[in-house]
């Protein structure tokens, strides 16, 4: 049994976790199917079509035209692949001959219409980028708030200290402004009385 390339199965899981790829020995093609809801009537109808086509293939007259035999065989292979997927509660999405990037992009383009595909992927990517941006802004805002609170706390401490000095009727401006006791020799270089 053939196995799909690992990159393709990973890409399918990212695009839609309900998708699966398998090799069909009946049609000699890859079958990409998706988990789905199937009714009993649908299952019975597929089973009936598959058995009817198989019976018709087995009872083809020997003088039947070659193209009629070929058309019947292709129909039976398609229905057989659908029936095999349906027995596993899956619905066939596409049946490519080879699994390439082109196949993946075709699947994504069809998925845009059906399930959101690239659009959903792009929206999820934008949402994760927006979340990361919002987280970094939140961290920056928290740092700024913490810095502002610390600066305000220091300022409040200095103002409280000055208020205490004013309440004690301190007249020494050097002590009020710089918190240092002044000495008579530590006077200003220029005195108001010098003018």
Foldseek 3Di string as FASTA:
>chain_A
DDDADPVLQVLCCLQPVQWDWDADPLVRWIWIKGAADDDPVRLVVLVVVLVVLVVCLVPPDPPDDPVVNVVSSVVNSVSVVQNVQVVVRIGTDDTHNHDDVVVVVVSQVVCCVVPNGPNVVVVVVVVVVVVVVVVVVVVVVVVVVVVVVVVVVVVVVLVVVLVVCVVVVPPDVCCSVPVDDDDPVNDDPDDPVVD
